[in-house]
Amino acid sequence: MHGEGTQPNILEKAEIREADALVACTTHDQDNILIGLMAKEAEISNIVIRVDDVQFTEVAKKLGLAHIINPSHIASTFIY
């Protein structure tokens, strides 16, 4: 499905309430957090979000989003 994932009507058309998992991996941290929160409200048990800014990682954790991917952090683990 093609559309803006931060819009509830798009997620409803995609039948978000039927999903087993959701991955929010746009290049916008705020959008990923918002999508993750909507997925949490839809009672999706497996939610993964991408967050580039460490400050937003802390915000996402406080909001109850546990599976957070930070590409820079992952890449740095391979270097060091």
Protein backbone atom coordinates (compact mmCIF):
# COMPACT_ATOMS: atom_id res chain seq x y z
CA MET A 1 0.00 0.00 0.00
CA HIS A 2 1.26 3.47 -0.86
CA GLY A 3 0.53 6.42 1.40
CA GLU A 4 1.59 8.56 4.35
CA GLY A 5 2.07 6.18 7.27
CA THR A 6 1.43 8.84 9.87
CA GLN A 7 -2.17 9.23 8.74
CA PRO A 8 -4.54 6.99 10.71
CA ASN A 9 -6.86 6.46 7.73
CA ILE A 10 -3.97 5.04 5.67
CA LEU A 11 -3.05 2.63 8.47
CA GLU A 12 -6.69 1.57 8.76
CA LYS A 13 -6.84 0.90 5.00
CA ALA A 14 -3.72 -1.22 5.44
CA GLU A 15 -5.64 -3.14 8.13
CA ILE A 16 -3.18 -2.28 10.89
CA ARG A 17 -5.34 -4.05 13.48
CA GLU A 18 -4.76 -7.34 11.65
CA ALA A 19 -0.96 -7.01 11.60
CA ASP A 20 1.33 -9.26 13.63
CA ALA A 21 4.21 -6.80 13.37
CA LEU A 22 5.01 -3.29 12.19
CA VAL A 23 8.34 -1.77 11.16
CA ALA A 24 8.52 2.03 10.92
CA CYS A 25 11.72 2.90 9.06
CA THR A 26 11.23 6.26 7.41
CA THR A 27 14.05 8.80 7.52
CA HIS A 28 12.02 10.93 9.96
CA ASP A 29 12.38 9.95 13.61
CA GLN A 30 9.21 11.76 14.68
CA ASP A 31 7.16 9.95 12.03
CA ASN A 32 8.54 6.59 13.10
CA ILE A 33 7.69 7.27 16.73
CA LEU A 34 4.17 8.38 15.81
CA ILE A 35 3.63 5.31 13.63
CA GLY A 36 4.96 3.14 16.46
CA LEU A 37 2.52 4.70 18.90
CA MET A 38 -0.40 4.12 16.54
CA ALA A 39 0.72 0.50 16.17
CA LYS A 40 0.90 0.20 19.96
CA GLU A 41 -2.65 1.55 20.22
CA ALA A 42 -3.72 -1.06 17.65
CA GLU A 43 -2.25 -3.68 20.02
CA ILE A 44 0.43 -4.90 17.63
CA SER A 45 2.84 -6.93 19.71
CA ASN A 46 5.97 -6.62 17.54
CA ILE A 47 6.84 -3.01 16.77
CA VAL A 48 10.25 -1.94 15.49
CA ILE A 49 11.12 1.68 14.81
CA ARG A 50 14.15 3.37 13.28
CA VAL A 51 15.54 6.37 15.14
CA ASP A 52 18.68 8.25 14.08
CA ASP A 53 18.82 10.94 16.78
CA VAL A 54 19.81 9.59 20.21
CA GLN A 55 17.52 12.13 21.91
CA PHE A 56 14.53 10.57 20.13
CA THR A 57 15.69 7.12 21.24
CA GLU A 58 15.12 8.18 24.84
CA VAL A 59 11.73 9.68 23.99
CA ALA A 60 10.67 6.48 22.24
CA LYS A 61 11.72 4.38 25.22
CA LYS A 62 9.75 6.61 27.61
CA LEU A 63 6.70 6.16 25.37
CA GLY A 64 6.98 2.39 25.67
CA LEU A 65 8.53 1.57 22.31
CA ALA A 66 11.09 -1.09 23.14
CA HIS A 67 12.51 -2.23 19.78
CA ILE A 68 14.47 0.73 18.49
CA ILE A 69 17.04 0.52 15.70
CA ASN A 70 19.71 3.20 15.34
CA PRO A 71 21.63 2.64 12.07
CA SER A 72 24.67 4.67 13.17
CA HIS A 73 24.98 2.71 16.39
CA ILE A 74 24.71 -0.59 14.54
CA ALA A 75 27.34 0.46 12.00
CA SER A 76 29.72 1.61 14.72
CA THR A 77 29.59 -1.79 16.42
CA PHE A 78 31.08 -3.31 13.28
CA ILE A 79 33.89 -0.76 13.18
CA TYR A 80 34.97 -0.96 16.82
